[in-house]
Amino acid sequence: MTTSSFTRLEKAVLQEISSQYPAHSVALEAQFAAAAVQSRENTGVGFYTRFAVDRAAAPPTPCDRIIGRVWAEIEGFNAPMTFLLFVNDGYADCLEGATVADSTMETDLSALKFKLGPP
């Protein structure tokens, strides 16, 4: 299954990750704009959003394989979530969100109300 757009939470987290890496932000933002979501997996303790970047539309970036220091307070959760972005061969390909103490099993991840910030 391929969908084209990120959720509000995914967009906000990806934007924040991009801002944390100024040397790579132009390439990362171009990649996010040229990405199509391929799958979403709710693991019960967070999620994985896998996506593919149109490599003809965005340049690679030589950043680390795993980047991001993002936390979000999620309405209804007792503890914040943390997020990481996985990069493969210079292209972003998976966003991971993980809970600290809450279950996401019965949660509609596309409808979360959140506030980014420190834990």
PDB file of N, CA and C in Angstrom:
ATOM      1  N   MET A   1       0.839  -1.179   0.000  1.00  0.00           N
ATOM      2  CA  MET A   1       0.000   0.000   0.000  1.00  0.00           C
ATOM      3  C   MET A   1       0.884   1.242   0.000  1.00  0.00           C
ATOM      4  N   THR A   2       0.576   2.183  -0.837  1.00  0.00           N
ATOM      5  CA  THR A   2       1.300   3.449  -0.866  1.00  0.00           C
ATOM      6  C   THR A   2       0.310   4.586  -0.657  1.00  0.00           C
ATOM      7  N   THR A   3       0.599   5.423   0.318  1.00  0.00           N
ATOM      8  CA  THR A   3      -0.157   6.654   0.494  1.00  0.00           C
ATOM      9  C   THR A   3       0.837   7.786   0.302  1.00  0.00           C
ATOM     10  N   SER A   4       0.338   8.962   0.047  1.00  0.00           N
ATOM     11  CA  SER A   4       1.283  10.011  -0.315  1.00  0.00           C
ATOM     12  C   SER A   4       1.642  10.966   0.806  1.00  0.00           C
ATOM     13  N   SER A   5       0.869  11.036   1.861  1.00  0.00           N
ATOM     14  CA  SER A   5       1.135  12.112   2.802  1.00  0.00           C
ATOM     15  C   SER A   5       1.414  11.634   4.225  1.00  0.00           C
ATOM     16  N   PHE A   6       2.176  12.461   4.902  1.00  0.00           N
ATOM     17  CA  PHE A   6       2.487  12.222   6.299  1.00  0.00           C
ATOM     18  C   PHE A   6       1.364  12.770   7.173  1.00  0.00           C
ATOM     19  N   THR A   7       1.223  12.230   8.380  1.00  0.00           N
ATOM     20  CA  THR A   7       0.265  12.767   9.347  1.00  0.00           C
ATOM     21  C   THR A   7       0.814  14.082   9.896  1.00  0.00           C
ATOM     22  N   ARG A   8      -0.024  14.813  10.620  1.00  0.00           N
ATOM     23  CA  ARG A   8       0.419  16.066  11.239  1.00  0.00           C
ATOM     24  C   ARG A   8       1.606  15.810  12.162  1.00  0.00           C
ATOM     25  N   LEU A   9       1.532  14.760  12.981  1.00  0.00           N
ATOM     26  CA  LEU A   9       2.627  14.439  13.894  1.00  0.00           C
ATOM     27  C   LEU A   9       3.900  14.102  13.125  1.00  0.00           C
ATOM     28  N   GLU A  10       3.789  13.264  12.115  1.00  0.00           N
ATOM     29  CA  GLU A  10       4.964  12.906  11.312  1.00  0.00           C
ATOM     30  C   GLU A  10       5.595  14.143  10.679  1.00  0.00           C
ATOM     31  N   LYS A  11       4.771  15.016  10.090  1.00  0.00           N
ATOM     32  CA  LYS A  11       5.293  16.246   9.472  1.00  0.00           C
ATOM     33  C   LYS A  11       6.025  17.106  10.487  1.00  0.00           C
ATOM     34  N   ALA A  12       5.423  17.283  11.661  1.00  0.00           N
ATOM     35  CA  ALA A  12       6.040  18.126  12.692  1.00  0.00           C
ATOM     36  C   ALA A  12       7.361  17.535  13.166  1.00  0.00           C
ATOM     37  N   VAL A  13       7.398  16.231  13.364  1.00  0.00           N
ATOM     38  CA  VAL A  13       8.625  15.576  13.820  1.00  0.00           C
ATOM     39  C   VAL A  13       9.703  15.662  12.745  1.00  0.00           C
ATOM     40  N   LEU A  14       9.354  15.397  11.499  1.00  0.00           N
ATOM     41  CA  LEU A  14      10.337  15.475  10.416  1.00  0.00           C
ATOM     42  C   LEU A  14      10.877  16.889  10.260  1.00  0.00           C
ATOM     43  N   GLN A  15      10.018  17.883  10.394  1.00  0.00           N
ATOM     44  CA  GLN A  15      10.464  19.279  10.315  1.00  0.00           C
ATOM     45  C   GLN A  15      11.425  19.587  11.461  1.00  0.00           C
ATOM     46  N   GLU A  16      11.111  19.126  12.662  1.00  0.00           N
ATOM     47  CA  GLU A  16      11.980  19.363  13.807  1.00  0.00           C
ATOM     48  C   GLU A  16      13.329  18.661  13.630  1.00  0.00           C
ATOM     49  N   ILE A  17      13.312  17.433  13.146  1.00  0.00           N
ATOM     50  CA  ILE A  17      14.574  16.720  12.903  1.00  0.00           C
ATOM     51  C   ILE A  17      15.408  17.488  11.881  1.00  0.00           C
ATOM     52  N   SER A  18      14.783  17.936  10.816  1.00  0.00           N
ATOM     53  CA  SER A  18      15.500  18.702   9.799  1.00  0.00           C
ATOM     54  C   SER A  18      16.142  19.947  10.397  1.00  0.00           C
ATOM     55  N   SER A  19      15.429  20.632  11.278  1.00  0.00           N
ATOM     56  CA  SER A  19      15.971  21.855  11.876  1.00  0.00           C
ATOM     57  C   SER A  19      17.137  21.570  12.821  1.00  0.00           C
ATOM     58  N   GLN A  20      17.232  20.359  13.337  1.00  0.00           N
ATOM     59  CA  GLN A  20      18.330  19.987  14.238  1.00  0.00           C
ATOM     60  C   GLN A  20      19.634  19.717  13.492  1.00  0.00           C
ATOM     61  N   TYR A  21      19.562  19.575  12.185  1.00  0.00           N
ATOM     62  CA  TYR A  21      20.734  19.241  11.370  1.00  0.00           C
ATOM     63  C   TYR A  21      20.867  20.260  10.238  1.00  0.00           C
ATOM     64  N   PRO A  22      21.269  21.499  10.561  1.00  0.00           N
ATOM     65  CA  PRO A  22      21.296  22.557   9.543  1.00  0.00           C
ATOM     66  C   PRO A  22      22.135  22.225   8.312  1.00  0.00           C
ATOM     67  N   ALA A  23      23.198  21.462   8.478  1.00  0.00           N
ATOM     68  CA  ALA A  23      24.047  21.118   7.332  1.00  0.00           C
ATOM     69  C   ALA A  23      23.332  20.174   6.358  1.00  0.00           C
ATOM     70  N   HIS A  24      22.279  19.525   6.832  1.00  0.00           N
ATOM     71  CA  HIS A  24      21.561  18.544   6.003  1.00  0.00           C
ATOM     72  C   HIS A  24      20.107  18.943   5.752  1.00  0.00           C
ATOM     73  N   SER A  25      19.677  20.080   6.314  1.00  0.00           N
ATOM     74  CA  SER A  25      18.252  20.419   6.290  1.00  0.00           C
ATOM     75  C   SER A  25      17.689  20.626   4.883  1.00  0.00           C
ATOM     76  N   VAL A  26      18.437  21.236   3.991  1.00  0.00           N
ATOM     77  CA  VAL A  26      17.917  21.465   2.637  1.00  0.00           C
ATOM     78  C   VAL A  26      17.647  20.127   1.942  1.00  0.00           C
ATOM     79  N   ALA A  27      18.604  19.210   2.030  1.00  0.00           N
ATOM     80  CA  ALA A  27      18.421  17.898   1.400  1.00  0.00           C
ATOM     81  C   ALA A  27      17.303  17.118   2.085  1.00  0.00           C
ATOM     82  N   LEU A  28      17.261  17.146   3.416  1.00  0.00           N
ATOM     83  CA  LEU A  28      16.209  16.412   4.130  1.00  0.00           C
ATOM     84  C   LEU A  28      14.826  16.951   3.776  1.00  0.00           C
ATOM     85  N   GLU A  29      14.674  18.261   3.766  1.00  0.00           N
ATOM     86  CA  GLU A  29      13.371  18.841   3.433  1.00  0.00           C
ATOM     87  C   GLU A  29      12.954  18.502   2.007  1.00  0.00           C
ATOM     88  N   ALA A  30      13.899  18.490   1.084  1.00  0.00           N
ATOM     89  CA  ALA A  30      13.591  18.090  -0.295  1.00  0.00           C
ATOM     90  C   ALA A  30      13.167  16.623  -0.334  1.00  0.00           C
ATOM     91  N   GLN A  31      13.844  15.790   0.450  1.00  0.00           N
ATOM     92  CA  GLN A  31      13.478  14.377   0.506  1.00  0.00           C
ATOM     93  C   GLN A  31      12.070  14.184   1.068  1.00  0.00           C
ATOM     94  N   PHE A  32      11.747  14.887   2.156  1.00  0.00           N
ATOM     95  CA  PHE A  32      10.412  14.745   2.745  1.00  0.00           C
ATOM     96  C   PHE A  32       9.341  15.187   1.760  1.00  0.00           C
ATOM     97  N   ALA A  33       9.613  16.243   0.998  1.00  0.00           N
ATOM     98  CA  ALA A  33       8.652  16.739   0.005  1.00  0.00           C
ATOM     99  C   ALA A  33       8.477  15.754  -1.151  1.00  0.00           C
ATOM    100  N   ALA A  34       9.506  14.953  -1.408  1.00  0.00           N
ATOM    101  CA  ALA A  34       9.461  13.995  -2.520  1.00  0.00           C
ATOM    102  C   ALA A  34       9.189  12.573  -2.048  1.00  0.00           C
ATOM    103  N   ALA A  35       8.687  12.436  -0.819  1.00  0.00           N
ATOM    104  CA  ALA A  35       8.467  11.106  -0.245  1.00  0.00           C
ATOM    105  C   ALA A  35       7.014  10.658  -0.374  1.00  0.00           C
ATOM    106  N   ALA A  36       6.855   9.358  -0.497  1.00  0.00           N
ATOM    107  CA  ALA A  36       5.532   8.736  -0.473  1.00  0.00           C
ATOM    108  C   ALA A  36       5.539   7.678   0.620  1.00  0.00           C
ATOM    109  N   VAL A  37       4.569   7.768   1.513  1.00  0.00           N
ATOM    110  CA  VAL A  37       4.468   6.787   2.592  1.00  0.00           C
ATOM    111  C   VAL A  37       4.115   5.437   1.987  1.00  0.00           C
ATOM    112  N   GLN A  38       4.875   4.418   2.376  1.00  0.00           N
ATOM    113  CA  GLN A  38       4.628   3.071   1.878  1.00  0.00           C
ATOM    114  C   GLN A  38       3.867   2.218   2.876  1.00  0.00           C
ATOM    115  N   SER A  39       4.156   2.401   4.168  1.00  0.00           N
ATOM    116  CA  SER A  39       3.448   1.619   5.180  1.00  0.00           C
ATOM    117  C   SER A  39       3.561   2.282   6.539  1.00  0.00           C
ATOM    118  N   ARG A  40       2.607   1.942   7.367  1.00  0.00           N
ATOM    119  CA  ARG A  40       2.618   2.372   8.770  1.00  0.00           C
ATOM    120  C   ARG A  40       2.358   1.135   9.619  1.00  0.00           C
ATOM    121  N   GLU A  41       3.149   1.001  10.677  1.00  0.00           N
ATOM    122  CA  GLU A  41       2.977  -0.132  11.581  1.00  0.00           C
ATOM    123  C   GLU A  41       2.847   0.405  13.006  1.00  0.00           C
ATOM    124  N   ASN A  42       1.707   0.132  13.634  1.00  0.00           N
ATOM    125  CA  ASN A  42       1.509   0.458  15.038  1.00  0.00           C
ATOM    126  C   ASN A  42       2.011  -0.752  15.818  1.00  0.00           C
ATOM    127  N   THR A  43       3.095  -0.574  16.569  1.00  0.00           N
ATOM    128  CA  THR A  43       3.728  -1.699  17.265  1.00  0.00           C
ATOM    129  C   THR A  43       3.135  -1.961  18.644  1.00  0.00           C
ATOM    130  N   GLY A  44       2.274  -1.071  19.102  1.00  0.00           N
ATOM    131  CA  GLY A  44       1.727  -1.181  20.446  1.00  0.00           C
ATOM    132  C   GLY A  44       2.512  -0.353  21.452  1.00  0.00           C
ATOM    133  N   VAL A  45       3.764  -0.070  21.119  1.00  0.00           N
ATOM    134  CA  VAL A  45       4.604   0.801  21.947  1.00  0.00           C
ATOM    135  C   VAL A  45       5.173   1.932  21.086  1.00  0.00           C
ATOM    136  N   GLY A  46       4.463   2.255  20.035  1.00  0.00           N
ATOM    137  CA  GLY A  46       4.890   3.285  19.108  1.00  0.00           C
ATOM    138  C   GLY A  46       4.526   2.913  17.689  1.00  0.00           C
ATOM    139  N   PHE A  47       5.347   3.373  16.745  1.00  0.00           N
ATOM    140  CA  PHE A  47       5.039   3.098  15.343  1.00  0.00           C
ATOM    141  C   PHE A  47       6.287   3.209  14.477  1.00  0.00           C
ATOM    142  N   TYR A  48       6.170   2.642  13.287  1.00  0.00           N
ATOM    143  CA  TYR A  48       7.133   2.829  12.207  1.00  0.00           C
ATOM    144  C   TYR A  48       6.362   3.358  11.011  1.00  0.00           C
ATOM    145  N   THR A  49       6.850   4.424  10.410  1.00  0.00           N
ATOM    146  CA  THR A  49       6.314   4.913   9.146  1.00  0.00           C
ATOM    147  C   THR A  49       7.430   4.768   8.127  1.00  0.00           C
ATOM    148  N   ARG A  50       7.210   3.871   7.169  1.00  0.00           N
ATOM    149  CA  ARG A  50       8.207   3.638   6.121  1.00  0.00           C
ATOM    150  C   ARG A  50       7.785   4.393   4.866  1.00  0.00           C
ATOM    151  N   PHE A  51       8.767   5.021   4.223  1.00  0.00           N
ATOM    152  CA  PHE A  51       8.453   5.806   3.035  1.00  0.00           C
ATOM    153  C   PHE A  51       9.597   5.718   2.045  1.00  0.00           C
ATOM    154  N   ALA A  52       9.267   6.058   0.808  1.00  0.00           N
ATOM    155  CA  ALA A  52      10.259   6.053  -0.266  1.00  0.00           C
ATOM    156  C   ALA A  52      10.384   7.466  -0.808  1.00  0.00           C
ATOM    157  N   VAL A  53      11.609   7.883  -1.019  1.00  0.00           N
ATOM    158  CA  VAL A  53      11.891   9.203  -1.575  1.00  0.00           C
ATOM    159  C   VAL A  53      12.165   9.056  -3.058  1.00  0.00           C
ATOM    160  N   ASP A  54      11.536   9.910  -3.844  1.00  0.00           N
ATOM    161  CA  ASP A  54      11.819   9.959  -5.282  1.00  0.00           C
ATOM    162  C   ASP A  54      13.237  10.514  -5.437  1.00  0.00           C
ATOM    163  N   ARG A  55      14.179   9.642  -5.705  1.00  0.00           N
ATOM    164  CA  ARG A  55      15.593  10.031  -5.739  1.00  0.00           C
ATOM    165  C   ARG A  55      15.929  10.968  -6.895  1.00  0.00           C
ATOM    166  N   ALA A  56      15.097  11.009  -7.907  1.00  0.00           N
ATOM    167  CA  ALA A  56      15.328  11.948  -9.001  1.00  0.00           C
ATOM    168  C   ALA A  56      14.919  13.368  -8.600  1.00  0.00           C
ATOM    169  N   ALA A  57      14.098  13.481  -7.553  1.00  0.00           N
ATOM    170  CA  ALA A  57      13.587  14.788  -7.148  1.00  0.00           C
ATOM    171  C   ALA A  57      14.292  15.376  -5.933  1.00  0.00           C
ATOM    172  N   ALA A  58      15.183  14.590  -5.293  1.00  0.00           N
ATOM    173  CA  ALA A  58      15.827  15.078  -4.073  1.00  0.00           C
ATOM    174  C   ALA A  58      17.242  14.515  -3.967  1.00  0.00           C
ATOM    175  N   PRO A  59      18.171  15.349  -3.519  1.00  0.00           N
ATOM    176  CA  PRO A  59      19.557  14.893  -3.394  1.00  0.00           C
ATOM    177  C   PRO A  59      19.767  14.053  -2.137  1.00  0.00           C
ATOM    178  N   PRO A  60      20.779  13.188  -2.136  1.00  0.00           N
ATOM    179  CA  PRO A  60      21.122  12.452  -0.913  1.00  0.00           C
ATOM    180  C   PRO A  60      21.832  13.376   0.075  1.00  0.00           C
ATOM    181  N   THR A  61      21.942  12.933   1.299  1.00  0.00           N
ATOM    182  CA  THR A  61      22.686  13.683   2.299  1.00  0.00           C
ATOM    183  C   THR A  61      23.591  12.722   3.066  1.00  0.00           C
ATOM    184  N   PRO A  62      24.802  13.132   3.359  1.00  0.00           N
ATOM    185  CA  PRO A  62      25.743  12.237   4.038  1.00  0.00           C
ATOM    186  C   PRO A  62      25.604  12.276   5.568  1.00  0.00           C
ATOM    187  N   CYS A  63      24.387  12.325   6.072  1.00  0.00           N
ATOM    188  CA  CYS A  63      24.208  12.359   7.530  1.00  0.00           C
ATOM    189  C   CYS A  63      24.305  10.947   8.107  1.00  0.00           C
ATOM    190  N   ASP A  64      24.288  10.866   9.420  1.00  0.00           N
ATOM    191  CA  ASP A  64      24.362   9.575  10.103  1.00  0.00           C
ATOM    192  C   ASP A  64      23.181   8.692   9.734  1.00  0.00           C
ATOM    193  N   ARG A  65      23.303   7.413  10.017  1.00  0.00           N
ATOM    194  CA  ARG A  65      22.264   6.422   9.706  1.00  0.00           C
ATOM    195  C   ARG A  65      21.003   6.637  10.546  1.00  0.00           C
ATOM    196  N   ILE A  66      21.155   7.080  11.795  1.00  0.00           N
ATOM    197  CA  ILE A  66      20.017   7.353  12.670  1.00  0.00           C
ATOM    198  C   ILE A  66      20.184   8.763  13.216  1.00  0.00           C
ATOM    199  N   ILE A  67      19.161   9.596  12.999  1.00  0.00           N
ATOM    200  CA  ILE A  67      19.235  10.979  13.476  1.00  0.00           C
ATOM    201  C   ILE A  67      17.940  11.349  14.189  1.00  0.00           C
ATOM    202  N   GLY A  68      18.010  12.398  14.984  1.00  0.00           N
ATOM    203  CA  GLY A  68      16.832  12.952  15.638  1.00  0.00           C
ATOM    204  C   GLY A  68      16.918  12.896  17.147  1.00  0.00           C
ATOM    205  N   ARG A  69      16.482  13.980  17.750  1.00  0.00           N
ATOM    206  CA  ARG A  69      16.353  14.083  19.204  1.00  0.00           C
ATOM    207  C   ARG A  69      15.023  14.774  19.476  1.00  0.00           C
ATOM    208  N   VAL A  70      13.941  14.157  19.095  1.00  0.00           N
ATOM    209  CA  VAL A  70      12.629  14.787  19.184  1.00  0.00           C
ATOM    210  C   VAL A  70      11.772  14.057  20.212  1.00  0.00           C
ATOM    211  N   TRP A  71      11.103  14.850  21.035  1.00  0.00           N
ATOM    212  CA  TRP A  71      10.148  14.344  22.018  1.00  0.00           C
ATOM    213  C   TRP A  71       8.833  15.060  21.801  1.00  0.00           C
ATOM    214  N   ALA A  72       7.731  14.390  22.089  1.00  0.00           N
ATOM    215  CA  ALA A  72       6.415  15.021  21.989  1.00  0.00           C
ATOM    216  C   ALA A  72       5.546  14.581  23.156  1.00  0.00           C
ATOM    217  N   GLU A  73       4.887  15.560  23.759  1.00  0.00           N
ATOM    218  CA  GLU A  73       3.849  15.274  24.741  1.00  0.00           C
ATOM    219  C   GLU A  73       2.607  14.910  23.939  1.00  0.00           C
ATOM    220  N   ILE A  74       2.035  13.749  24.212  1.00  0.00           N
ATOM    221  CA  ILE A  74       0.860  13.278  23.493  1.00  0.00           C
ATOM    222  C   ILE A  74      -0.344  13.352  24.432  1.00  0.00           C
ATOM    223  N   GLU A  75      -1.398  14.009  23.980  1.00  0.00           N
ATOM    224  CA  GLU A  75      -2.592  14.117  24.816  1.00  0.00           C
ATOM    225  C   GLU A  75      -3.105  12.721  25.183  1.00  0.00           C
ATOM    226  N   GLY A  76      -3.319  12.495  26.472  1.00  0.00           N
ATOM    227  CA  GLY A  76      -3.821  11.209  26.947  1.00  0.00           C
ATOM    228  C   GLY A  76      -2.737  10.224  27.340  1.00  0.00           C
ATOM    229  N   PHE A  77      -1.478  10.509  27.005  1.00  0.00           N
ATOM    230  CA  PHE A  77      -0.370   9.634  27.396  1.00  0.00           C
ATOM    231  C   PHE A  77       0.234  10.138  28.704  1.00  0.00           C
ATOM    232  N   ASN A  78       0.750   9.215  29.498  1.00  0.00           N
ATOM    233  CA  ASN A  78       1.367   9.567  30.775  1.00  0.00           C
ATOM    234  C   ASN A  78       2.803  10.043  30.633  1.00  0.00           C
ATOM    235  N   ALA A  79       3.439   9.696  29.544  1.00  0.00           N
ATOM    236  CA  ALA A  79       4.840  10.064  29.315  1.00  0.00           C
ATOM    237  C   ALA A  79       5.000  10.457  27.846  1.00  0.00           C
ATOM    238  N   PRO A  80       6.023  11.241  27.529  1.00  0.00           N
ATOM    239  CA  PRO A  80       6.217  11.670  26.138  1.00  0.00           C
ATOM    240  C   PRO A  80       6.666  10.517  25.240  1.00  0.00           C
ATOM    241  N   MET A  81       6.550  10.749  23.946  1.00  0.00           N
ATOM    242  CA  MET A  81       7.090   9.825  22.939  1.00  0.00           C
ATOM    243  C   MET A  81       8.399  10.401  22.435  1.00  0.00           C
ATOM    244  N   THR A  82       9.267   9.531  21.967  1.00  0.00           N
ATOM    245  CA  THR A  82      10.520   9.933  21.350  1.00  0.00           C
ATOM    246  C   THR A  82      10.524   9.464  19.896  1.00  0.00           C
ATOM    247  N   PHE A  83      11.307  10.157  19.059  1.00  0.00           N
ATOM    248  CA  PHE A  83      11.295   9.880  17.617  1.00  0.00           C
ATOM    249  C   PHE A  83      12.702   9.855  17.047  1.00  0.00           C
ATOM    250  N   LEU A  84      12.917   8.951  16.101  1.00  0.00           N
ATOM    251  CA  LEU A  84      14.180   8.815  15.375  1.00  0.00           C
ATOM    252  C   LEU A  84      13.886   8.687  13.892  1.00  0.00           C
ATOM    253  N   LEU A  85      14.799   9.169  13.076  1.00  0.00           N
ATOM    254  CA  LEU A  85      14.697   9.025  11.630  1.00  0.00           C
ATOM    255  C   LEU A  85      15.830   8.137  11.153  1.00  0.00           C
ATOM    256  N   PHE A  86      15.494   7.117  10.396  1.00  0.00           N
ATOM    257  CA  PHE A  86      16.494   6.216   9.813  1.00  0.00           C
ATOM    258  C   PHE A  86      16.786   6.664   8.381  1.00  0.00           C
ATOM    259  N   VAL A  87      18.081   6.706   8.054  1.00  0.00           N
ATOM    260  CA  VAL A  87      18.549   7.154   6.746  1.00  0.00           C
ATOM    261  C   VAL A  87      19.354   6.001   6.134  1.00  0.00           C
ATOM    262  N   ASN A  88      19.072   5.694   4.879  1.00  0.00           N
ATOM    263  CA  ASN A  88      19.745   4.597   4.191  1.00  0.00           C
ATOM    264  C   ASN A  88      20.332   5.117   2.885  1.00  0.00           C
ATOM    265  N   ASP A  89      21.635   4.973   2.718  1.00  0.00           N
ATOM    266  CA  ASP A  89      22.325   5.440   1.506  1.00  0.00           C
ATOM    267  C   ASP A  89      22.061   6.917   1.216  1.00  0.00           C
ATOM    268  N   GLY A  90      21.960   7.723   2.277  1.00  0.00           N
ATOM    269  CA  GLY A  90      21.770   9.158   2.113  1.00  0.00           C
ATOM    270  C   GLY A  90      20.331   9.599   1.976  1.00  0.00           C
ATOM    271  N   TYR A  91      19.376   8.663   2.035  1.00  0.00           N
ATOM    272  CA  TYR A  91      17.964   8.993   1.882  1.00  0.00           C
ATOM    273  C   TYR A  91      17.162   8.537   3.100  1.00  0.00           C
ATOM    274  N   ALA A  92      16.335   9.444   3.614  1.00  0.00           N
ATOM    275  CA  ALA A  92      15.445   9.111   4.721  1.00  0.00           C
ATOM    276  C   ALA A  92      14.499   8.008   4.277  1.00  0.00           C
ATOM    277  N   ASP A  93      14.270   7.028   5.168  1.00  0.00           N
ATOM    278  CA  ASP A  93      13.357   5.957   4.761  1.00  0.00           C
ATOM    279  C   ASP A  93      12.427   5.428   5.841  1.00  0.00           C
ATOM    280  N   CYS A  94      12.623   5.821   7.107  1.00  0.00           N
ATOM    281  CA  CYS A  94      11.730   5.314   8.144  1.00  0.00           C
ATOM    282  C   CYS A  94      11.744   6.242   9.352  1.00  0.00           C
ATOM    283  N   LEU A  95      10.573   6.584   9.825  1.00  0.00           N
ATOM    284  CA  LEU A  95      10.421   7.351  11.049  1.00  0.00           C
ATOM    285  C   LEU A  95       9.904   6.407  12.119  1.00  0.00           C
ATOM    286  N   GLU A  96      10.594   6.398  13.259  1.00  0.00           N
ATOM    287  CA  GLU A  96      10.149   5.584  14.387  1.00  0.00           C
ATOM    288  C   GLU A  96       9.691   6.486  15.515  1.00  0.00           C
ATOM    289  N   GLY A  97       8.530   6.193  16.057  1.00  0.00           N
ATOM    290  CA  GLY A  97       8.035   6.839  17.266  1.00  0.00           C
ATOM    291  C   GLY A  97       7.926   5.772  18.335  1.00  0.00           C
ATOM    292  N   ALA A  98       8.387   6.078  19.550  1.00  0.00           N
ATOM    293  CA  ALA A  98       8.362   5.085  20.628  1.00  0.00           C
ATOM    294  C   ALA A  98       7.810   5.712  21.908  1.00  0.00           C
ATOM    295  N   THR A  99       6.972   4.957  22.578  1.00  0.00           N
ATOM    296  CA  THR A  99       6.456   5.413  23.858  1.00  0.00           C
ATOM    297  C   THR A  99       7.417   5.004  24.959  1.00  0.00           C
ATOM    298  N   VAL A 100       7.297   5.687  26.074  1.00  0.00           N
ATOM    299  CA  VAL A 100       8.106   5.362  27.243  1.00  0.00           C
ATOM    300  C   VAL A 100       7.313   4.445  28.170  1.00  0.00           C
ATOM    301  N   ALA A 101       6.013   4.737  28.332  1.00  0.00           N
ATOM    302  CA  ALA A 101       5.224   3.975  29.301  1.00  0.00           C
ATOM    303  C   ALA A 101       3.792   3.704  28.847  1.00  0.00           C
ATOM    304  N   ASP A 102       3.434   4.110  27.654  1.00  0.00           N
ATOM    305  CA  ASP A 102       2.047   4.014  27.203  1.00  0.00           C
ATOM    306  C   ASP A 102       1.908   3.034  26.049  1.00  0.00           C
ATOM    307  N   SER A 103       0.694   2.504  25.890  1.00  0.00           N
ATOM    308  CA  SER A 103       0.396   1.631  24.766  1.00  0.00           C
ATOM    309  C   SER A 103      -0.239   2.431  23.639  1.00  0.00           C
ATOM    310  N   THR A 104       0.144   2.107  22.419  1.00  0.00           N
ATOM    311  CA  THR A 104      -0.480   2.725  21.250  1.00  0.00           C
ATOM    312  C   THR A 104      -1.430   1.761  20.550  1.00  0.00           C
ATOM    313  N   MET A 105      -1.646   0.593  21.142  1.00  0.00           N
ATOM    314  CA  MET A 105      -2.410  -0.464  20.481  1.00  0.00           C
ATOM    315  C   MET A 105      -3.795  -0.014  20.024  1.00  0.00           C
ATOM    316  N   GLU A 106      -4.532   0.669  20.858  1.00  0.00           N
ATOM    317  CA  GLU A 106      -5.891   1.094  20.503  1.00  0.00           C
ATOM    318  C   GLU A 106      -5.937   2.570  20.111  1.00  0.00           C
ATOM    319  N   THR A 107      -4.816   3.105  19.648  1.00  0.00           N
ATOM    320  CA  THR A 107      -4.697   4.533  19.363  1.00  0.00           C
ATOM    321  C   THR A 107      -4.706   4.792  17.862  1.00  0.00           C
ATOM    322  N   ASP A 108      -5.480   5.785  17.453  1.00  0.00           N
ATOM    323  CA  ASP A 108      -5.451   6.238  16.064  1.00  0.00           C
ATOM    324  C   ASP A 108      -4.273   7.199  15.931  1.00  0.00           C
ATOM    325  N   LEU A 109      -3.171   6.708  15.426  1.00  0.00           N
ATOM    326  CA  LEU A 109      -1.938   7.497  15.366  1.00  0.00           C
ATOM    327  C   LEU A 109      -2.058   8.710  14.450  1.00  0.00           C
ATOM    328  N   SER A 110      -2.994   8.695  13.539  1.00  0.00           N
ATOM    329  CA  SER A 110      -3.154   9.835  12.635  1.00  0.00           C
ATOM    330  C   SER A 110      -3.926  10.978  13.279  1.00  0.00           C
ATOM    331  N   ALA A 111      -4.543  10.725  14.428  1.00  0.00           N
ATOM    332  CA  ALA A 111      -5.382  11.754  15.070  1.00  0.00           C
ATOM    333  C   ALA A 111      -4.814  12.247  16.404  1.00  0.00           C
ATOM    334  N   LEU A 112      -3.562  11.940  16.689  1.00  0.00           N
ATOM    335  CA  LEU A 112      -2.981  12.336  17.967  1.00  0.00           C
ATOM    336  C   LEU A 112      -2.879  13.854  18.094  1.00  0.00           C
ATOM    337  N   LYS A 113      -3.188  14.335  19.297  1.00  0.00           N
ATOM    338  CA  LYS A 113      -2.945  15.739  19.625  1.00  0.00           C
ATOM    339  C   LYS A 113      -1.634  15.763  20.385  1.00  0.00           C
ATOM    340  N   PHE A 114      -0.752  16.691  20.018  1.00  0.00           N
ATOM    341  CA  PHE A 114       0.610  16.643  20.537  1.00  0.00           C
ATOM    342  C   PHE A 114       1.213  18.031  20.655  1.00  0.00           C
ATOM    343  N   LYS A 115       2.306  18.070  21.382  1.00  0.00           N
ATOM    344  CA  LYS A 115       3.125  19.284  21.495  1.00  0.00           C
ATOM    345  C   LYS A 115       4.575  18.831  21.524  1.00  0.00           C
ATOM    346  N   LEU A 116       5.361  19.305  20.557  1.00  0.00           N
ATOM    347  CA  LEU A 116       6.789  18.963  20.543  1.00  0.00           C
ATOM    348  C   LEU A 116       7.508  19.746  21.638  1.00  0.00           C
ATOM    349  N   GLY A 117       8.521  19.117  22.210  1.00  0.00           N
ATOM    350  CA  GLY A 117       9.301  19.794  23.226  1.00  0.00           C
ATOM    351  C   GLY A 117      10.165  18.813  23.985  1.00  0.00           C
ATOM    352  N   PRO A 118      10.910  19.314  24.934  1.00  0.00           N
ATOM    353  CA  PRO A 118      11.767  18.411  25.719  1.00  0.00           C
ATOM    354  C   PRO A 118      10.933  17.498  26.603  1.00  0.00           C
ATOM    355  N   PRO A 119      11.501  16.347  26.946  1.00  0.00           N
ATOM    356  CA  PRO A 119      10.743  15.389  27.775  1.00  0.00           C
ATOM    357  C   PRO A 119      10.497  15.910  29.179  1.00  0.00           C
TER     358      PRO A 119
END
